[in-house]
Amino acid sequence: MSRLRFATVWLGGCSGCHMSFLDLDEWLIDLASRVDVVFSPLADVKEYPENVDLVLVEGAVANDENLHMIRKVRERTKTLVALGDCAITGNVTALRNPLGVALEVLRPVYGENYPDEPQIVPVLLDRVQPVHQVVPVDYFVPGCPPPASRIKAVLEALLDGKTPVLEGNEIRFG
């Protein structure tokens, strides 16, 4: 059996989903025996590679770097899993959406001297979007963050070539 090329991506969010992923504890050793981790904020890989089999994407699309990354991820990945409520709904990251365009949200915080086009940090998009509003998503794993047991159930099913089934309490948000 060939090993899957596995990745995790962190967009606009708090990293709580990655922390929950790490809560898989000893099962991560079992996972490591079945996959090659080819990209993750937990690894020192600078460029998202080609031919990724499975990716877990945490966070919403909140800035120009997130937008570029998620498009690249979708183009280069067979199965994309939206991991957590920010990736699925925008959640806390999208709370700025009702306040107006990004520059109008930033000016009251940083003052009138805030540059129209910041040069150092990624440019915020005017609206934060969940991943599925930007690219097609294959599976959704809700939770803020999703518990490790939920992440494990989805990964086990996908690694075994099955469709993950989330039912009952597993499908609620938060």
N, C-alpha and C. Protein backbone atom coordinates (compact mmCIF):
# COMPACT_ATOMS: atom_id res chain seq x y z
N MET A 1 0.83 -1.18 0.00
CA MET A 1 0.00 0.00 0.00
C MET A 1 0.88 1.25 0.00
N SER A 2 0.61 2.19 -0.92
CA SER A 2 1.42 3.40 -0.99
C SER A 2 0.96 4.39 0.08
N ARG A 3 1.89 5.21 0.49
CA ARG A 3 1.60 6.20 1.53
C ARG A 3 0.96 7.44 0.90
N LEU A 4 -0.02 7.99 1.60
CA LEU A 4 -0.68 9.20 1.13
C LEU A 4 0.20 10.41 1.39
N ARG A 5 0.15 11.36 0.47
CA ARG A 5 0.82 12.65 0.65
C ARG A 5 -0.18 13.55 1.40
N PHE A 6 0.15 13.90 2.63
CA PHE A 6 -0.75 14.56 3.56
C PHE A 6 -0.24 15.95 3.91
N ALA A 7 -1.17 16.90 4.03
CA ALA A 7 -0.80 18.27 4.38
C ALA A 7 -1.83 18.85 5.34
N THR A 8 -1.40 19.88 6.07
CA THR A 8 -2.32 20.72 6.83
C THR A 8 -1.97 22.16 6.49
N VAL A 9 -3.01 23.01 6.47
CA VAL A 9 -2.83 24.42 6.13
C VAL A 9 -3.55 25.26 7.16
N TRP A 10 -2.95 26.37 7.53
CA TRP A 10 -3.52 27.30 8.49
C TRP A 10 -3.73 28.64 7.80
N LEU A 11 -4.99 29.01 7.60
CA LEU A 11 -5.34 30.31 7.00
C LEU A 11 -5.67 31.28 8.13
N GLY A 12 -6.71 32.11 7.98
CA GLY A 12 -7.06 33.09 9.00
C GLY A 12 -7.81 32.44 10.15
N GLY A 13 -7.14 32.25 11.25
CA GLY A 13 -7.73 31.62 12.42
C GLY A 13 -6.75 31.62 13.57
N CYS A 14 -7.05 30.86 14.60
CA CYS A 14 -6.28 30.94 15.85
C CYS A 14 -5.29 29.79 16.06
N SER A 15 -5.27 28.81 15.19
CA SER A 15 -4.47 27.58 15.28
C SER A 15 -5.06 26.56 16.23
N GLY A 16 -6.25 26.81 16.75
CA GLY A 16 -6.89 25.86 17.66
C GLY A 16 -7.15 24.51 17.01
N CYS A 17 -7.46 24.50 15.72
CA CYS A 17 -7.71 23.22 15.03
C CYS A 17 -6.43 22.41 14.92
N HIS A 18 -5.31 23.09 14.69
CA HIS A 18 -4.03 22.37 14.68
C HIS A 18 -3.69 21.84 16.07
N MET A 19 -4.02 22.61 17.10
CA MET A 19 -3.78 22.14 18.46
C MET A 19 -4.63 20.91 18.76
N SER A 20 -5.88 20.91 18.28
CA SER A 20 -6.75 19.75 18.45
C SER A 20 -6.21 18.56 17.67
N PHE A 21 -5.67 18.81 16.47
CA PHE A 21 -5.03 17.76 15.68
C PHE A 21 -3.87 17.15 16.48
N LEU A 22 -3.08 17.98 17.11
CA LEU A 22 -1.97 17.47 17.92
C LEU A 22 -2.46 16.68 19.14
N ASP A 23 -3.70 16.93 19.57
CA ASP A 23 -4.29 16.17 20.67
C ASP A 23 -4.58 14.72 20.29
N LEU A 24 -4.30 14.35 19.05
CA LEU A 24 -4.43 12.95 18.65
C LEU A 24 -3.36 12.09 19.34
N ASP A 25 -2.39 12.76 19.95
CA ASP A 25 -1.37 12.11 20.77
C ASP A 25 -0.74 10.90 20.09
N GLU A 26 -0.83 9.72 20.71
CA GLU A 26 -0.15 8.53 20.19
C GLU A 26 -0.67 8.10 18.81
N TRP A 27 -1.91 8.46 18.49
CA TRP A 27 -2.45 8.08 17.18
C TRP A 27 -1.68 8.76 16.06
N LEU A 28 -1.00 9.86 16.36
CA LEU A 28 -0.18 10.53 15.36
C LEU A 28 0.93 9.60 14.86
N ILE A 29 1.39 8.71 15.73
CA ILE A 29 2.41 7.72 15.31
C ILE A 29 1.81 6.77 14.28
N ASP A 30 0.58 6.31 14.53
CA ASP A 30 -0.11 5.47 13.55
C ASP A 30 -0.32 6.22 12.24
N LEU A 31 -0.73 7.48 12.34
CA LEU A 31 -0.92 8.30 11.15
C LEU A 31 0.39 8.44 10.38
N ALA A 32 1.47 8.69 11.08
CA ALA A 32 2.78 8.85 10.44
C ALA A 32 3.23 7.59 9.71
N SER A 33 2.73 6.43 10.12
CA SER A 33 3.10 5.20 9.43
C SER A 33 2.33 5.03 8.11
N ARG A 34 1.29 5.87 7.91
CA ARG A 34 0.46 5.74 6.71
C ARG A 34 0.56 6.91 5.74
N VAL A 35 1.15 8.02 6.19
CA VAL A 35 1.22 9.21 5.35
C VAL A 35 2.62 9.81 5.35
N ASP A 36 2.88 10.58 4.32
CA ASP A 36 4.06 11.44 4.29
C ASP A 36 3.55 12.87 4.45
N VAL A 37 3.97 13.54 5.50
CA VAL A 37 3.57 14.93 5.71
C VAL A 37 4.42 15.79 4.78
N VAL A 38 3.75 16.39 3.79
CA VAL A 38 4.48 17.15 2.77
C VAL A 38 4.36 18.66 2.93
N PHE A 39 3.44 19.10 3.81
CA PHE A 39 3.29 20.54 4.08
C PHE A 39 2.49 20.70 5.35
N SER A 40 2.90 21.65 6.20
CA SER A 40 2.17 21.93 7.43
C SER A 40 2.86 23.09 8.14
N PRO A 41 2.10 23.89 8.93
CA PRO A 41 2.78 24.88 9.76
C PRO A 41 3.61 24.20 10.86
N LEU A 42 3.40 22.90 11.03
CA LEU A 42 4.16 22.14 12.02
C LEU A 42 5.48 21.62 11.45
N ALA A 43 5.71 21.85 10.15
CA ALA A 43 6.92 21.41 9.48
C ALA A 43 7.54 22.61 8.77
N ASP A 44 8.80 22.51 8.45
CA ASP A 44 9.51 23.63 7.81
C ASP A 44 9.52 23.45 6.29
N VAL A 45 8.34 23.56 5.69
CA VAL A 45 8.20 23.46 4.24
C VAL A 45 7.69 24.81 3.75
N LYS A 46 8.37 25.41 2.80
CA LYS A 46 8.04 26.78 2.39
C LYS A 46 7.01 26.86 1.27
N GLU A 47 6.95 25.87 0.39
CA GLU A 47 6.08 25.92 -0.77
C GLU A 47 5.12 24.74 -0.77
N TYR A 48 3.85 25.01 -1.00
CA TYR A 48 2.86 23.93 -1.06
C TYR A 48 3.15 23.08 -2.29
N PRO A 49 3.32 21.76 -2.11
CA PRO A 49 3.76 20.91 -3.22
C PRO A 49 2.63 20.49 -4.16
N GLU A 50 3.01 19.89 -5.25
CA GLU A 50 2.08 19.29 -6.20
C GLU A 50 1.65 17.91 -5.68
N ASN A 51 0.56 17.40 -6.21
CA ASN A 51 0.12 16.02 -5.98
C ASN A 51 -0.07 15.64 -4.52
N VAL A 52 -0.77 16.49 -3.79
CA VAL A 52 -1.12 16.17 -2.40
C VAL A 52 -2.41 15.35 -2.43
N ASP A 53 -2.44 14.27 -1.67
CA ASP A 53 -3.63 13.42 -1.63
C ASP A 53 -4.71 13.97 -0.72
N LEU A 54 -4.33 14.48 0.45
CA LEU A 54 -5.28 14.87 1.48
C LEU A 54 -4.75 16.07 2.25
N VAL A 55 -5.61 17.09 2.41
CA VAL A 55 -5.23 18.26 3.19
C VAL A 55 -6.35 18.62 4.16
N LEU A 56 -5.96 19.00 5.36
CA LEU A 56 -6.85 19.60 6.35
C LEU A 56 -6.59 21.11 6.32
N VAL A 57 -7.63 21.90 6.07
CA VAL A 57 -7.48 23.35 5.99
C VAL A 57 -8.21 24.00 7.16
N GLU A 58 -7.44 24.67 8.00
CA GLU A 58 -7.98 25.42 9.14
C GLU A 58 -8.04 26.89 8.79
N GLY A 59 -9.10 27.57 9.22
CA GLY A 59 -9.18 29.01 9.10
C GLY A 59 -9.96 29.49 7.89
N ALA A 60 -10.32 30.76 7.94
CA ALA A 60 -11.08 31.39 6.87
C ALA A 60 -10.13 32.11 5.92
N VAL A 61 -10.66 32.52 4.80
CA VAL A 61 -9.89 33.27 3.81
C VAL A 61 -10.07 34.75 4.15
N ALA A 62 -9.05 35.34 4.77
CA ALA A 62 -9.17 36.68 5.32
C ALA A 62 -8.27 37.71 4.66
N ASN A 63 -7.21 37.28 3.97
CA ASN A 63 -6.30 38.23 3.34
C ASN A 63 -5.81 37.70 1.99
N ASP A 64 -5.04 38.51 1.29
CA ASP A 64 -4.61 38.13 -0.06
C ASP A 64 -3.72 36.89 -0.05
N GLU A 65 -2.91 36.69 0.98
CA GLU A 65 -2.08 35.48 1.06
C GLU A 65 -2.94 34.24 1.26
N ASN A 66 -3.98 34.33 2.10
CA ASN A 66 -4.91 33.21 2.29
C ASN A 66 -5.57 32.85 0.97
N LEU A 67 -6.00 33.86 0.21
CA LEU A 67 -6.68 33.64 -1.07
C LEU A 67 -5.76 32.93 -2.06
N HIS A 68 -4.54 33.40 -2.16
CA HIS A 68 -3.56 32.77 -3.05
C HIS A 68 -3.29 31.32 -2.62
N MET A 69 -3.11 31.13 -1.32
CA MET A 69 -2.80 29.80 -0.79
C MET A 69 -3.94 28.82 -1.04
N ILE A 70 -5.18 29.19 -0.73
CA ILE A 70 -6.28 28.22 -0.86
C ILE A 70 -6.50 27.84 -2.31
N ARG A 71 -6.29 28.77 -3.22
CA ARG A 71 -6.41 28.43 -4.66
C ARG A 71 -5.33 27.44 -5.07
N LYS A 72 -4.12 27.66 -4.59
CA LYS A 72 -3.02 26.74 -4.88
C LYS A 72 -3.28 25.37 -4.26
N VAL A 73 -3.75 25.36 -3.02
CA VAL A 73 -4.05 24.11 -2.32
C VAL A 73 -5.08 23.30 -3.10
N ARG A 74 -6.15 23.96 -3.51
CA ARG A 74 -7.21 23.24 -4.23
C ARG A 74 -6.70 22.69 -5.56
N GLU A 75 -5.92 23.47 -6.25
CA GLU A 75 -5.37 23.06 -7.55
C GLU A 75 -4.44 21.85 -7.43
N ARG A 76 -3.75 21.74 -6.31
CA ARG A 76 -2.72 20.71 -6.15
C ARG A 76 -3.12 19.55 -5.26
N THR A 77 -4.39 19.50 -4.82
CA THR A 77 -4.80 18.50 -3.84
C THR A 77 -6.02 17.73 -4.32
N LYS A 78 -6.01 16.42 -4.09
CA LYS A 78 -7.15 15.57 -4.46
C LYS A 78 -8.33 15.77 -3.51
N THR A 79 -8.09 15.68 -2.20
CA THR A 79 -9.18 15.75 -1.21
C THR A 79 -8.90 16.87 -0.22
N LEU A 80 -9.82 17.84 -0.17
CA LEU A 80 -9.69 18.99 0.71
C LEU A 80 -10.75 18.91 1.80
N VAL A 81 -10.30 18.96 3.05
CA VAL A 81 -11.19 18.91 4.21
C VAL A 81 -11.15 20.27 4.90
N ALA A 82 -12.31 20.92 5.01
CA ALA A 82 -12.42 22.16 5.78
C ALA A 82 -12.49 21.76 7.25
N LEU A 83 -11.49 22.18 8.02
CA LEU A 83 -11.35 21.76 9.41
C LEU A 83 -11.72 22.91 10.34
N GLY A 84 -12.83 22.76 11.05
CA GLY A 84 -13.22 23.75 12.05
C GLY A 84 -14.18 24.79 11.52
N ASP A 85 -14.80 25.49 12.47
CA ASP A 85 -15.85 26.44 12.15
C ASP A 85 -15.38 27.63 11.34
N CYS A 86 -14.15 28.11 11.52
CA CYS A 86 -13.67 29.23 10.72
C CYS A 86 -13.58 28.84 9.24
N ALA A 87 -13.08 27.65 8.96
CA ALA A 87 -12.99 27.19 7.58
C ALA A 87 -14.37 26.95 6.98
N ILE A 88 -15.34 26.58 7.82
CA ILE A 88 -16.68 26.23 7.33
C ILE A 88 -17.62 27.43 7.25
N THR A 89 -17.56 28.33 8.22
CA THR A 89 -18.52 29.45 8.27
C THR A 89 -17.86 30.83 8.30
N GLY A 90 -16.57 30.89 8.53
CA GLY A 90 -15.89 32.17 8.76
C GLY A 90 -15.76 32.45 10.25
N ASN A 91 -16.75 32.01 11.03
CA ASN A 91 -16.76 32.07 12.49
C ASN A 91 -16.22 33.41 13.03
N VAL A 92 -15.40 33.39 14.04
CA VAL A 92 -14.91 34.60 14.69
C VAL A 92 -14.16 35.49 13.71
N THR A 93 -13.41 34.89 12.81
CA THR A 93 -12.64 35.67 11.84
C THR A 93 -13.53 36.58 11.01
N ALA A 94 -14.74 36.14 10.72
CA ALA A 94 -15.66 36.90 9.87
C ALA A 94 -16.49 37.93 10.65
N LEU A 95 -16.26 38.07 11.94
CA LEU A 95 -17.04 39.05 12.71
C LEU A 95 -16.83 40.48 12.23
N ARG A 96 -15.75 40.73 11.51
CA ARG A 96 -15.53 42.08 11.00
C ARG A 96 -16.36 42.38 9.75
N ASN A 97 -16.92 41.36 9.11
CA ASN A 97 -17.66 41.58 7.87
C ASN A 97 -18.77 42.63 7.98
N PRO A 98 -19.61 42.61 9.02
CA PRO A 98 -20.68 43.62 9.09
C PRO A 98 -20.18 45.05 9.30
N LEU A 99 -18.91 45.20 9.65
CA LEU A 99 -18.37 46.53 9.94
C LEU A 99 -17.96 47.30 8.70
N GLY A 100 -17.97 46.67 7.54
CA GLY A 100 -17.61 47.35 6.30
C GLY A 100 -16.33 46.81 5.70
N VAL A 101 -15.83 47.53 4.71
CA VAL A 101 -14.62 47.09 4.01
C VAL A 101 -13.42 47.16 4.96
N ALA A 102 -12.41 46.41 4.64
CA ALA A 102 -11.27 46.23 5.55
C ALA A 102 -10.64 47.55 5.99
N LEU A 103 -10.41 48.46 5.06
CA LEU A 103 -9.76 49.72 5.42
C LEU A 103 -10.58 50.51 6.43
N GLU A 104 -11.89 50.48 6.29
CA GLU A 104 -12.75 51.21 7.22
C GLU A 104 -12.79 50.55 8.60
N VAL A 105 -12.50 49.27 8.67
CA VAL A 105 -12.40 48.57 9.94
C VAL A 105 -11.07 48.91 10.61
N LEU A 106 -10.02 49.04 9.82
CA LEU A 106 -8.69 49.28 10.36
C LEU A 106 -8.46 50.73 10.81
N ARG A 107 -9.03 51.66 10.10
CA ARG A 107 -8.77 53.08 10.42
C ARG A 107 -9.14 53.46 11.86
N PRO A 108 -10.30 53.06 12.38
CA PRO A 108 -10.62 53.43 13.78
C PRO A 108 -9.65 52.80 14.78
N VAL A 109 -9.10 51.67 14.43
CA VAL A 109 -8.18 50.98 15.33
C VAL A 109 -6.79 51.60 15.27
N TYR A 110 -6.31 51.88 14.05
CA TYR A 110 -4.93 52.34 13.87
C TYR A 110 -4.82 53.83 13.60
N GLY A 111 -5.95 54.53 13.47
CA GLY A 111 -5.91 55.96 13.25
C GLY A 111 -5.90 56.33 11.78
N GLU A 112 -6.02 57.61 11.53
CA GLU A 112 -6.07 58.11 10.16
C GLU A 112 -4.75 57.96 9.42
N ASN A 113 -3.68 57.69 10.14
CA ASN A 113 -2.38 57.54 9.49
C ASN A 113 -2.16 56.15 8.93
N TYR A 114 -3.16 55.28 9.10
CA TYR A 114 -3.02 53.92 8.55
C TYR A 114 -2.90 54.01 7.04
N PRO A 115 -1.88 53.39 6.45
CA PRO A 115 -1.68 53.52 5.00
C PRO A 115 -2.80 52.82 4.21
N ASP A 116 -3.13 53.40 3.06
CA ASP A 116 -4.16 52.80 2.21
C ASP A 116 -3.72 51.42 1.71
N GLU A 117 -2.43 51.23 1.53
CA GLU A 117 -1.92 49.93 1.08
C GLU A 117 -0.73 49.54 1.94
N PRO A 118 -0.99 48.75 3.00
CA PRO A 118 0.11 48.35 3.89
C PRO A 118 1.15 47.54 3.11
N GLN A 119 2.40 47.74 3.43
CA GLN A 119 3.48 47.09 2.71
C GLN A 119 4.06 45.88 3.43
N ILE A 120 3.88 45.78 4.73
CA ILE A 120 4.55 44.75 5.50
C ILE A 120 3.69 43.51 5.71
N VAL A 121 2.44 43.69 6.00
CA VAL A 121 1.54 42.57 6.30
C VAL A 121 0.65 42.26 5.10
N PRO A 122 0.10 41.06 5.03
CA PRO A 122 -0.82 40.74 3.92
C PRO A 122 -2.00 41.71 3.92
N VAL A 123 -2.47 42.02 2.74
CA VAL A 123 -3.60 42.93 2.58
C VAL A 123 -4.88 42.18 2.93
N LEU A 124 -5.66 42.76 3.86
CA LEU A 124 -6.93 42.15 4.24
C LEU A 124 -7.92 42.23 3.09
N LEU A 125 -8.69 41.16 2.90
CA LEU A 125 -9.79 41.19 1.95
C LEU A 125 -10.93 41.98 2.58
N ASP A 126 -11.78 42.57 1.77
CA ASP A 126 -12.89 43.34 2.32
C ASP A 126 -13.90 42.47 3.05
N ARG A 127 -14.01 41.20 2.65
CA ARG A 127 -14.90 40.26 3.32
C ARG A 127 -14.14 38.97 3.61
N VAL A 128 -14.26 38.49 4.83
CA VAL A 128 -13.72 37.18 5.19
C VAL A 128 -14.69 36.12 4.66
N GLN A 129 -14.14 35.08 4.04
CA GLN A 129 -14.99 34.04 3.46
C GLN A 129 -14.60 32.66 3.99
N PRO A 130 -15.60 31.80 4.19
CA PRO A 130 -15.26 30.41 4.49
C PRO A 130 -14.66 29.77 3.24
N VAL A 131 -13.93 28.71 3.42
CA VAL A 131 -13.18 28.08 2.33
C VAL A 131 -14.08 27.70 1.16
N HIS A 132 -15.26 27.12 1.43
CA HIS A 132 -16.11 26.64 0.34
C HIS A 132 -16.67 27.75 -0.54
N GLN A 133 -16.59 28.99 -0.09
CA GLN A 133 -17.03 30.10 -0.94
C GLN A 133 -15.95 30.52 -1.93
N VAL A 134 -14.75 29.98 -1.76
CA VAL A 134 -13.64 30.32 -2.64
C VAL A 134 -13.26 29.15 -3.54
N VAL A 135 -13.23 27.94 -2.97
CA VAL A 135 -12.87 26.73 -3.73
C VAL A 135 -13.79 25.59 -3.31
N PRO A 136 -13.93 24.57 -4.15
CA PRO A 136 -14.72 23.41 -3.74
C PRO A 136 -14.07 22.67 -2.56
N VAL A 137 -14.92 22.24 -1.63
CA VAL A 137 -14.49 21.49 -0.45
C VAL A 137 -15.11 20.11 -0.52
N ASP A 138 -14.32 19.08 -0.19
CA ASP A 138 -14.81 17.71 -0.25
C ASP A 138 -15.52 17.28 1.03
N TYR A 139 -14.97 17.66 2.18
CA TYR A 139 -15.55 17.26 3.47
C TYR A 139 -15.44 18.41 4.46
N PHE A 140 -16.37 18.43 5.42
CA PHE A 140 -16.41 19.47 6.46
C PHE A 140 -16.34 18.80 7.82
N VAL A 141 -15.46 19.32 8.69
CA VAL A 141 -15.33 18.81 10.06
C VAL A 141 -15.59 19.98 11.01
N PRO A 142 -16.84 20.12 11.50
CA PRO A 142 -17.18 21.26 12.34
C PRO A 142 -16.60 21.16 13.74
N GLY A 143 -16.60 22.32 14.39
CA GLY A 143 -16.14 22.41 15.78
C GLY A 143 -15.23 23.61 15.94
N CYS A 144 -15.18 24.13 17.15
CA CYS A 144 -14.34 25.29 17.42
C CYS A 144 -13.58 25.06 18.74
N PRO A 145 -12.51 24.31 18.64
CA PRO A 145 -12.06 23.50 17.50
C PRO A 145 -12.77 22.15 17.51
N PRO A 146 -12.68 21.41 16.41
CA PRO A 146 -13.23 20.06 16.45
C PRO A 146 -12.43 19.20 17.43
N PRO A 147 -13.10 18.35 18.18
CA PRO A 147 -12.35 17.50 19.11
C PRO A 147 -11.46 16.52 18.33
N ALA A 148 -10.39 16.11 18.96
CA ALA A 148 -9.46 15.18 18.34
C ALA A 148 -10.16 13.91 17.87
N SER A 149 -11.13 13.43 18.63
CA SER A 149 -11.85 12.20 18.26
C SER A 149 -12.59 12.37 16.93
N ARG A 150 -13.12 13.56 16.68
CA ARG A 150 -13.82 13.83 15.42
C ARG A 150 -12.82 13.87 14.26
N ILE A 151 -11.68 14.51 14.47
CA ILE A 151 -10.64 14.58 13.44
C ILE A 151 -10.15 13.18 13.12
N LYS A 152 -9.92 12.38 14.16
CA LYS A 152 -9.45 11.01 13.97
C LYS A 152 -10.46 10.19 13.18
N ALA A 153 -11.74 10.30 13.51
CA ALA A 153 -12.77 9.52 12.81
C ALA A 153 -12.78 9.85 11.32
N VAL A 154 -12.65 11.13 10.98
CA VAL A 154 -12.63 11.53 9.58
C VAL A 154 -11.36 11.04 8.89
N LEU A 155 -10.23 11.20 9.53
CA LEU A 155 -8.97 10.76 8.93
C LEU A 155 -8.93 9.24 8.75
N GLU A 156 -9.38 8.50 9.74
CA GLU A 156 -9.41 7.04 9.62
C GLU A 156 -10.25 6.60 8.43
N ALA A 157 -11.43 7.19 8.29
CA ALA A 157 -12.30 6.84 7.17
C ALA A 157 -11.62 7.16 5.84
N LEU A 158 -11.07 8.34 5.72
CA LEU A 158 -10.43 8.73 4.46
C LEU A 158 -9.21 7.86 4.15
N LEU A 159 -8.42 7.55 5.17
CA LEU A 159 -7.25 6.70 4.96
C LEU A 159 -7.64 5.28 4.54
N ASP A 160 -8.82 4.84 4.97
CA ASP A 160 -9.31 3.51 4.60
C ASP A 160 -10.12 3.53 3.30
N GLY A 161 -10.16 4.69 2.63
CA GLY A 161 -10.88 4.80 1.38
C GLY A 161 -12.38 4.87 1.53
N LYS A 162 -12.85 5.23 2.72
CA LYS A 162 -14.29 5.31 2.99
C LYS A 162 -14.73 6.77 3.08
N THR A 163 -16.02 6.99 2.96
CA THR A 163 -16.59 8.33 3.14
C THR A 163 -16.82 8.56 4.62
N PRO A 164 -16.26 9.64 5.17
CA PRO A 164 -16.50 9.92 6.59
C PRO A 164 -17.98 10.23 6.83
N VAL A 165 -18.47 9.76 7.96
CA VAL A 165 -19.86 10.01 8.34
C VAL A 165 -19.85 10.71 9.69
N LEU A 166 -20.39 11.91 9.70
CA LEU A 166 -20.56 12.63 10.95
C LEU A 166 -22.06 12.69 11.21
N GLU A 167 -22.47 12.19 12.35
CA GLU A 167 -23.91 12.16 12.65
C GLU A 167 -24.14 12.51 14.11
N GLY A 168 -25.40 12.79 14.42
CA GLY A 168 -25.76 13.11 15.80
C GLY A 168 -25.04 14.34 16.31
N ASN A 169 -24.47 14.24 17.49
CA ASN A 169 -23.78 15.37 18.10
C ASN A 169 -22.53 15.76 17.34
N GLU A 170 -22.05 14.88 16.48
CA GLU A 170 -20.83 15.17 15.73
C GLU A 170 -21.00 16.33 14.75
N ILE A 171 -22.22 16.65 14.33
CA ILE A 171 -22.38 17.65 13.30
C ILE A 171 -22.64 19.06 13.83
N ARG A 172 -22.74 19.25 15.11
CA ARG A 172 -23.02 20.59 15.61
C ARG A 172 -21.75 21.44 15.60
N PHE A 173 -21.96 22.74 15.55
CA PHE A 173 -20.85 23.69 15.54
C PHE A 173 -20.51 24.11 16.96
N GLY A 174 -19.27 24.54 17.14
CA GLY A 174 -18.85 25.06 18.43
C GLY A 174 -18.42 24.01 19.40
